[in-house]
C-alpha atoms as a PDB file:
ATOM      1  CA  PRO A   1       0.000   0.000   0.000  1.00  0.00           C
ATOM      2  CA  MET A   2       1.077   3.568  -0.711  1.00  0.00           C
ATOM      3  CA  MET A   3      -0.006   6.906   0.718  1.00  0.00           C
ATOM      4  CA  ARG A   4      -2.712   8.652  -1.284  1.00  0.00           C
ATOM      5  CA  LEU A   5      -4.355  12.024  -1.075  1.00  0.00           C
ATOM      6  CA  VAL A   6      -7.830  12.080   0.487  1.00  0.00           C
ATOM      7  CA  PRO A   7     -10.057  13.143  -2.435  1.00  0.00           C
ATOM      8  CA  LEU A   8     -13.048  15.420  -2.879  1.00  0.00           C
ATOM      9  CA  LEU A   9     -12.275  18.183  -0.396  1.00  0.00           C
ATOM     10  CA  ALA A  10     -12.433  20.584  -3.349  1.00  0.00           C
ATOM     11  CA  GLY A  11      -9.139  22.336  -2.752  1.00  0.00           C
ATOM     12  CA  ARG A  12      -9.736  22.955   0.942  1.00  0.00           C
ATOM     13  CA  LYS A  13      -6.863  22.665   3.394  1.00  0.00           C
ATOM     14  CA  VAL A  14      -7.260  20.355   6.369  1.00  0.00           C
ATOM     15  CA  VAL A  15      -6.315  22.060   9.641  1.00  0.00           C
ATOM     16  CA  ASN A  16      -7.368  19.388  12.145  1.00  0.00           C
ATOM     17  CA  PHE A  17      -8.409  15.740  11.975  1.00  0.00           C
ATOM     18  CA  CYS A  18      -9.201  12.517  13.823  1.00  0.00           C
ATOM     19  CA  CYS A  19      -8.859   9.253  11.922  1.00  0.00           C
ATOM     20  CA  GLY A  20      -8.853   5.594  12.930  1.00  0.00           C
ATOM     21  CA  HIS A  21      -9.839   2.061  12.008  1.00  0.00           C
ATOM     22  CA  PHE A  22     -13.300   2.881  10.686  1.00  0.00           C
ATOM     23  CA  GLY A  23     -13.274   6.452   9.416  1.00  0.00           C
ATOM     24  CA  GLY A  24     -12.344  10.036  10.037  1.00  0.00           C
ATOM     25  CA  VAL A  25     -13.534  13.563  10.783  1.00  0.00           C
ATOM     26  CA  VAL A  26     -11.675  16.633   9.526  1.00  0.00           C
ATOM     27  CA  GLU A  27     -11.883  20.380   9.942  1.00  0.00           C
ATOM     28  CA  CYS A  28     -10.939  22.496   6.929  1.00  0.00           C
ATOM     29  CA  ASP A  29      -9.608  26.027   6.636  1.00  0.00           C
ATOM     30  CA  ASP A  30     -13.003  27.379   5.556  1.00  0.00           C
ATOM     31  CA  ASN A  31     -14.515  26.271   8.906  1.00  0.00           C
ATOM     32  CA  SER A  32     -16.259  23.272   7.345  1.00  0.00           C
ATOM     33  CA  VAL A  33     -16.307  19.771   8.865  1.00  0.00           C
ATOM     34  CA  TRP A  34     -16.234  16.611   6.767  1.00  0.00           C
ATOM     35  CA  ALA A  35     -16.560  12.928   7.683  1.00  0.00           C
ATOM     36  CA  TRP A  36     -16.395   9.477   6.127  1.00  0.00           C
ATOM     37  CA  GLY A  37     -16.227   5.843   7.180  1.00  0.00           C
ATOM     38  CA  ARG A  38     -18.283   2.863   8.355  1.00  0.00           C
ATOM     39  CA  ASN A  39     -20.928   5.092  10.000  1.00  0.00           C
ATOM     40  CA  LEU A  40     -22.683   2.166  11.670  1.00  0.00           C
ATOM     41  CA  TYR A  41     -23.830   4.425  14.523  1.00  0.00           C
ATOM     42  CA  GLY A  42     -24.302   7.663  12.579  1.00  0.00           C
ATOM     43  CA  GLU A  43     -20.889   8.902  13.682  1.00  0.00           C
ATOM     44  CA  CYS A  44     -20.395  10.706  10.364  1.00  0.00           C
ATOM     45  CA  GLY A  45     -23.306  13.007  11.253  1.00  0.00           C
ATOM     46  CA  VAL A  46     -24.778  13.085   7.746  1.00  0.00           C
ATOM     47  CA  GLY A  47     -28.341  11.978   8.559  1.00  0.00           C
ATOM     48  CA  HIS A  48     -28.145   8.203   8.109  1.00  0.00           C
ATOM     49  CA  ALA A  49     -26.259   5.142   9.374  1.00  0.00           C
ATOM     50  CA  ASN A  50     -24.997   3.751   6.073  1.00  0.00           C
ATOM     51  CA  PRO A  51     -21.336   3.678   4.974  1.00  0.00           C
ATOM     52  CA  VAL A  52     -19.995   7.061   3.858  1.00  0.00           C
ATOM     53  CA  LEU A  53     -17.420   6.248   1.185  1.00  0.00           C
ATOM     54  CA  ILE A  54     -16.124   9.747   0.446  1.00  0.00           C
ATOM     55  CA  PRO A  55     -15.603  12.839   2.634  1.00  0.00           C
ATOM     56  CA  THR A  56     -19.059  14.355   3.123  1.00  0.00           C
ATOM     57  CA  LYS A  57     -19.833  17.724   4.653  1.00  0.00           C
ATOM     58  CA  VAL A  58     -21.372  17.706   8.133  1.00  0.00           C
ATOM     59  CA  THR A  59     -24.058  20.316   8.807  1.00  0.00           C
ATOM     60  CA  LEU A  60     -23.442  21.714  12.273  1.00  0.00           C
ATOM     61  CA  PRO A  61     -26.118  23.261  14.524  1.00  0.00           C
ATOM     62  CA  PHE A  62     -24.032  26.426  14.860  1.00  0.00           C
ATOM     63  CA  ALA A  63     -22.108  28.725  12.526  1.00  0.00           C
ATOM     64  CA  ASP A  64     -19.391  29.589  15.052  1.00  0.00           C
ATOM     65  CA  ALA A  65     -15.766  28.960  14.145  1.00  0.00           C
ATOM     66  CA  VAL A  66     -14.637  25.388  14.806  1.00  0.00           C
ATOM     67  CA  ALA A  67     -11.956  24.948  17.457  1.00  0.00           C
ATOM     68  CA  ALA A  68     -11.463  21.172  17.269  1.00  0.00           C
ATOM     69  CA  VAL A  69     -12.922  17.880  16.071  1.00  0.00           C
ATOM     70  CA  TYR A  70     -12.926  14.629  18.024  1.00  0.00           C
ATOM     71  CA  SER A  71     -13.701  11.028  17.153  1.00  0.00           C
ATOM     72  CA  SER A  72     -13.575   7.693  18.930  1.00  0.00           C
ATOM     73  CA  ALA A  73     -11.936   6.471  15.726  1.00  0.00           C
ATOM     74  CA  MET A  74      -8.706   7.395  17.490  1.00  0.00           C
ATOM     75  CA  GLY A  75      -9.139   4.046  19.281  1.00  0.00           C
ATOM     76  CA  ARG A  76     -10.197   0.709  17.844  1.00  0.00           C
ATOM     77  CA  SER A  77     -13.851   1.638  17.729  1.00  0.00           C
ATOM     78  CA  ASN A  78     -15.543   4.452  15.833  1.00  0.00           C
ATOM     79  CA  HIS A  79     -18.924   5.105  17.426  1.00  0.00           C
ATOM     80  CA  MET A  80     -18.859   8.792  18.391  1.00  0.00           C
ATOM     81  CA  SER A  81     -17.782  12.155  17.017  1.00  0.00           C
ATOM     82  CA  ALA A  82     -17.805  15.654  18.481  1.00  0.00           C
ATOM     83  CA  VAL A  83     -17.135  19.201  17.319  1.00  0.00           C
ATOM     84  CA  LEU A  84     -16.174  22.048  19.663  1.00  0.00           C
ATOM     85  CA  SER A  85     -16.509  25.702  18.608  1.00  0.00           C
ATOM     86  CA  THR A  86     -14.268  28.611  19.582  1.00  0.00           C
ATOM     87  CA  THR A  87     -17.200  30.004  21.560  1.00  0.00           C
ATOM     88  CA  GLY A  88     -17.477  26.889  23.723  1.00  0.00           C
ATOM     89  CA  ARG A  89     -20.406  25.236  21.952  1.00  0.00           C
ATOM     90  CA  LEU A  90     -20.399  21.448  21.596  1.00  0.00           C
ATOM     91  CA  ALA A  91     -22.063  19.172  19.033  1.00  0.00           C
ATOM     92  CA  ILE A  92     -22.094  15.361  19.365  1.00  0.00           C
ATOM     93  CA  PHE A  93     -23.181  12.648  16.929  1.00  0.00           C
ATOM     94  CA  GLY A  94     -23.091   8.858  16.916  1.00  0.00           C
ATOM     95  CA  ASP A  95     -23.969   6.051  19.317  1.00  0.00           C
ATOM     96  CA  ASN A  96     -26.270   6.870  22.238  1.00  0.00           C
ATOM     97  CA  ALA A  97     -26.757   3.387  23.719  1.00  0.00           C
ATOM     98  CA  TYR A  98     -25.707   4.613  27.165  1.00  0.00           C
ATOM     99  CA  GLY A  99     -26.654   8.289  26.906  1.00  0.00           C
ATOM    100  CA  GLN A 100     -23.202   9.368  25.718  1.00  0.00           C
ATOM    101  CA  ALA A 101     -24.653  11.805  23.154  1.00  0.00           C
ATOM    102  CA  ALA A 102     -25.995  13.912  26.067  1.00  0.00           C
ATOM    103  CA  THR A 103     -29.457  14.229  24.524  1.00  0.00           C
ATOM    104  CA  GLY A 104     -31.275  13.490  27.775  1.00  0.00           C
ATOM    105  CA  THR A 105     -32.387  10.036  26.611  1.00  0.00           C
ATOM    106  CA  ILE A 106     -30.658   6.653  26.547  1.00  0.00           C
ATOM    107  CA  GLY A 107     -30.762   4.429  23.470  1.00  0.00           C
ATOM    108  CA  GLY A 108     -30.491   4.577  19.699  1.00  0.00           C
ATOM    109  CA  VAL A 109     -28.158   6.649  17.589  1.00  0.00           C
ATOM    110  CA  ARG A 110     -27.797  10.338  16.815  1.00  0.00           C
ATOM    111  CA  ASN A 111     -26.990  10.552  13.090  1.00  0.00           C
ATOM    112  CA  THR A 112     -27.014  14.357  12.908  1.00  0.00           C
ATOM    113  CA  PRO A 113     -25.066  16.675  15.229  1.00  0.00           C
ATOM    114  CA  PHE A 114     -26.814  17.461  18.511  1.00  0.00           C
ATOM    115  CA  GLU A 115     -25.809  20.656  20.285  1.00  0.00           C
ATOM    116  CA  VAL A 116     -25.298  19.900  23.959  1.00  0.00           C
ATOM    117  CA  PRO A 117     -26.876  22.702  26.013  1.00  0.00           C
ATOM    118  CA  LYS A 118     -24.491  24.848  27.984  1.00  0.00           C
ATOM    119  CA  ILE A 119     -24.725  24.656  31.753  1.00  0.00           C
ATOM    120  CA  SER A 120     -25.274  28.076  33.347  1.00  0.00           C
ATOM    121  CA  SER A 121     -23.866  29.734  30.175  1.00  0.00           C
ATOM    122  CA  GLN A 122     -20.434  28.196  30.795  1.00  0.00           C
ATOM    123  CA  ASN A 123     -18.217  27.907  27.717  1.00  0.00           C
ATOM    124  CA  ARG A 124     -16.563  24.560  27.101  1.00  0.00           C
ATOM    125  CA  ALA A 125     -12.838  24.399  26.440  1.00  0.00           C
ATOM    126  CA  GLY A 126     -12.179  20.700  25.881  1.00  0.00           C
ATOM    127  CA  VAL A 127     -13.798  17.339  25.156  1.00  0.00           C
ATOM    128  CA  TRP A 128     -13.041  13.645  25.379  1.00  0.00           C
ATOM    129  CA  ALA A 129     -15.512  11.586  23.313  1.00  0.00           C
ATOM    130  CA  ASP A 130     -15.236   7.818  22.975  1.00  0.00           C
ATOM    131  CA  ARG A 131     -17.622   4.957  22.199  1.00  0.00           C
ATOM    132  CA  LEU A 132     -19.067   4.823  25.730  1.00  0.00           C
ATOM    133  CA  HIS A 133     -18.696   8.257  27.322  1.00  0.00           C
ATOM    134  CA  THR A 134     -18.359  11.971  26.732  1.00  0.00           C
ATOM    135  CA  PHE A 135     -16.384  14.215  29.082  1.00  0.00           C
ATOM    136  CA  ALA A 136     -16.334  17.999  28.653  1.00  0.00           C
ATOM    137  CA  TRP A 137     -14.740  20.732  30.695  1.00  0.00           C
ATOM    138  CA  THR A 138     -15.308  24.465  30.814  1.00  0.00           C
ATOM    139  CA  ASP A 139     -12.860  27.274  30.134  1.00  0.00           C
ATOM    140  CA  ALA A 140     -10.720  28.929  32.810  1.00  0.00           C
ATOM    141  CA  ALA A 141     -13.190  31.791  33.201  1.00  0.00           C
ATOM    142  CA  SER A 142     -15.806  29.209  34.224  1.00  0.00           C
ATOM    143  CA  GLY A 143     -13.428  27.375  36.530  1.00  0.00           C
ATOM    144  CA  GLY A 144     -12.375  24.491  34.284  1.00  0.00           C
ATOM    145  CA  LYS A 145     -15.274  22.388  35.609  1.00  0.00           C
ATOM    146  CA  LEU A 146     -15.617  18.786  34.486  1.00  0.00           C
ATOM    147  CA  TYR A 147     -18.879  17.152  33.345  1.00  0.00           C
ATOM    148  CA  ALA A 148     -19.619  13.727  31.882  1.00  0.00           C
ATOM    149  CA  CYS A 149     -22.351  11.430  30.562  1.00  0.00           C
ATOM    150  CA  GLY A 150     -22.734   7.904  29.194  1.00  0.00           C
ATOM    151  CA  TYR A 151     -21.720   4.449  30.408  1.00  0.00           C
ATOM    152  CA  ASN A 152     -20.975   4.271  34.139  1.00  0.00           C
ATOM    153  CA  ALA A 153     -20.995   0.629  35.285  1.00  0.00           C
ATOM    154  CA  SER A 154     -17.681   1.066  37.105  1.00  0.00           C
ATOM    155  CA  GLY A 155     -18.342   4.591  38.322  1.00  0.00           C
ATOM    156  CA  GLN A 156     -15.966   6.055  35.745  1.00  0.00           C
ATOM    157  CA  LEU A 157     -18.129   9.164  35.269  1.00  0.00           C
ATOM    158  CA  CYS A 158     -17.183  10.254  38.796  1.00  0.00           C
ATOM    159  CA  HIS A 159     -20.734  11.143  39.823  1.00  0.00           C
ATOM    160  CA  GLY A 160     -20.695   9.085  42.986  1.00  0.00           C
ATOM    161  CA  GLY A 161     -22.842   6.275  41.554  1.00  0.00           C
ATOM    162  CA  THR A 162     -22.863   3.584  38.862  1.00  0.00           C
ATOM    163  CA  THR A 163     -25.961   4.399  36.812  1.00  0.00           C
ATOM    164  CA  ASN A 164     -25.669   5.492  33.185  1.00  0.00           C
ATOM    165  CA  ILE A 165     -26.243   9.225  32.669  1.00  0.00           C
ATOM    166  CA  ALA A 166     -27.855  10.882  29.609  1.00  0.00           C
ATOM    167  CA  THR A 167     -27.096  14.537  30.414  1.00  0.00           C
ATOM    168  CA  MET A 168     -23.863  16.315  31.259  1.00  0.00           C
ATOM    169  CA  THR A 169     -23.475  15.948  35.036  1.00  0.00           C
ATOM    170  CA  ALA A 170     -20.777  17.269  37.357  1.00  0.00           C
ATOM    171  CA  CYS A 171     -17.795  15.015  38.128  1.00  0.00           C
ATOM    172  CA  VAL A 172     -16.955  15.194  41.838  1.00  0.00           C
ATOM    173  CA  ARG A 173     -14.030  14.487  44.139  1.00  0.00           C
ATOM    174  CA  ALA A 174     -14.264  11.442  46.393  1.00  0.00           C
ATOM    175  CA  SER A 175     -12.778  13.393  49.281  1.00  0.00           C
ATOM    176  CA  ASP A 176     -15.487  16.031  49.691  1.00  0.00           C
ATOM    177  CA  SER A 177     -17.993  15.575  46.821  1.00  0.00           C
ATOM    178  CA  THR A 178     -17.096  18.967  45.326  1.00  0.00           C
ATOM    179  CA  GLN A 179     -16.888  19.328  41.558  1.00  0.00           C
ATOM    180  CA  LEU A 180     -13.575  18.711  39.819  1.00  0.00           C
ATOM    181  CA  THR A 181     -12.187  22.037  38.584  1.00  0.00           C
ATOM    182  CA  ASN A 182      -9.157  23.479  36.768  1.00  0.00           C
ATOM    183  CA  ILE A 183      -9.220  20.576  34.282  1.00  0.00           C
ATOM    184  CA  LYS A 184      -6.458  20.506  31.682  1.00  0.00           C
ATOM    185  CA  LYS A 185      -6.803  17.039  30.128  1.00  0.00           C
ATOM    186  CA  VAL A 186      -8.962  13.921  30.359  1.00  0.00           C
ATOM    187  CA  ILE A 187      -8.386  10.425  29.019  1.00  0.00           C
ATOM    188  CA  VAL A 188     -10.356   7.195  29.365  1.00  0.00           C
ATOM    189  CA  LEU A 189      -8.260   4.055  29.578  1.00  0.00           C
ATOM    190  CA  ALA A 190      -9.460   1.058  27.571  1.00  0.00           C
ATOM    191  CA  ASP A 191      -8.719  -2.654  27.771  1.00  0.00           C
ATOM    192  CA  ASP A 192      -6.630  -4.494  25.173  1.00  0.00           C
ATOM    193  CA  SER A 193      -9.569  -4.702  22.775  1.00  0.00           C
ATOM    194  CA  GLY A 194      -9.945  -0.928  22.840  1.00  0.00           C
ATOM    195  CA  THR A 195     -13.647  -1.258  23.517  1.00  0.00           C
ATOM    196  CA  HIS A 196     -14.220  -1.200  27.285  1.00  0.00           C
ATOM    197  CA  GLY A 197     -13.008   2.092  28.704  1.00  0.00           C
ATOM    198  CA  GLU A 198     -13.830   1.868  32.387  1.00  0.00           C
ATOM    199  CA  THR A 199     -11.100   3.956  34.035  1.00  0.00           C
ATOM    200  CA  MET A 200     -10.927   7.746  33.722  1.00  0.00           C
ATOM    201  CA  ALA A 201      -7.967   9.995  34.494  1.00  0.00           C
ATOM    202  CA  ALA A 202      -8.119  13.806  34.726  1.00  0.00           C
ATOM    203  CA  LEU A 203      -5.179  16.198  35.003  1.00  0.00           C
ATOM    204  CA  THR A 204      -5.620  19.694  36.460  1.00  0.00           C
ATOM    205  CA  THR A 205      -3.783  22.882  35.603  1.00  0.00           C
ATOM    206  CA  THR A 206      -2.301  22.774  39.122  1.00  0.00           C
ATOM    207  CA  GLY A 207      -0.690  19.369  38.530  1.00  0.00           C
ATOM    208  CA  GLU A 208      -3.148  17.140  40.364  1.00  0.00           C
ATOM    209  CA  LEU A 209      -4.116  13.811  38.817  1.00  0.00           C
ATOM    210  CA  TYR A 210      -7.499  12.222  39.606  1.00  0.00           C
ATOM    211  CA  THR A 211      -8.620   8.716  38.629  1.00  0.00           C
ATOM    212  CA  CYS A 212     -12.009   7.052  38.790  1.00  0.00           C
ATOM    213  CA  GLY A 213     -13.678   3.816  37.713  1.00  0.00           C
ATOM    214  CA  TYR A 214     -12.569   0.177  37.487  1.00  0.00           C
ATOM    215  CA  GLY A 215      -9.776  -0.528  39.953  1.00  0.00           C
ATOM    216  CA  ALA A 216      -9.596  -4.300  40.430  1.00  0.00           C
ATOM    217  CA  LEU A 217      -6.115  -4.386  38.893  1.00  0.00           C
ATOM    218  CA  GLY A 218      -4.822  -1.383  40.801  1.00  0.00           C
ATOM    219  CA  ASN A 219      -5.376   0.957  37.860  1.00  0.00           C
ATOM    220  CA  ILE A 220      -6.888   3.749  39.975  1.00  0.00           C
END
């Protein structure tokens, strides 16, 4: 096999991308977002759940400038995609079996982008979206607060329980049940198959590292 140019972006320059086993999502220099791939769960955001064989433009629920694109294709599974705007708005599309699309309901797929409502007008600054969960944190002006939704069988959403959650809900510290703040980065650790992420780790801007979720092997 040899490297080849991704076709049909009509002369646009790609400025950001996420690609993996089953597809990809890209942001172009004209603020457009394009996707292609297996699309079994509507993760291409083009209105259906059939294979998308060429880059196809995604219609976003906002016209704000795009800050970043995310896709669970970065792992071994491609079930979810997300787009974050420079104004802190977040759109999610793909699998919603556990409420990870933050629509307020559990089940089915979201094959067009859903804008996740802001909480108390707080702007979001970062996102982790994978096949089971979505984590999002606010900007520094809003305290860098961490929220999450989706699959929670091992308590990896850090809500204090183990029920699945369909709306963005505050992640809290075990020590005093206050919300995690000053978040810089979040990752969800998966098993060898890349499909069962049940341990979450969050790094703060002050150098603190928090973990939550499955710990039978000492991983938290």
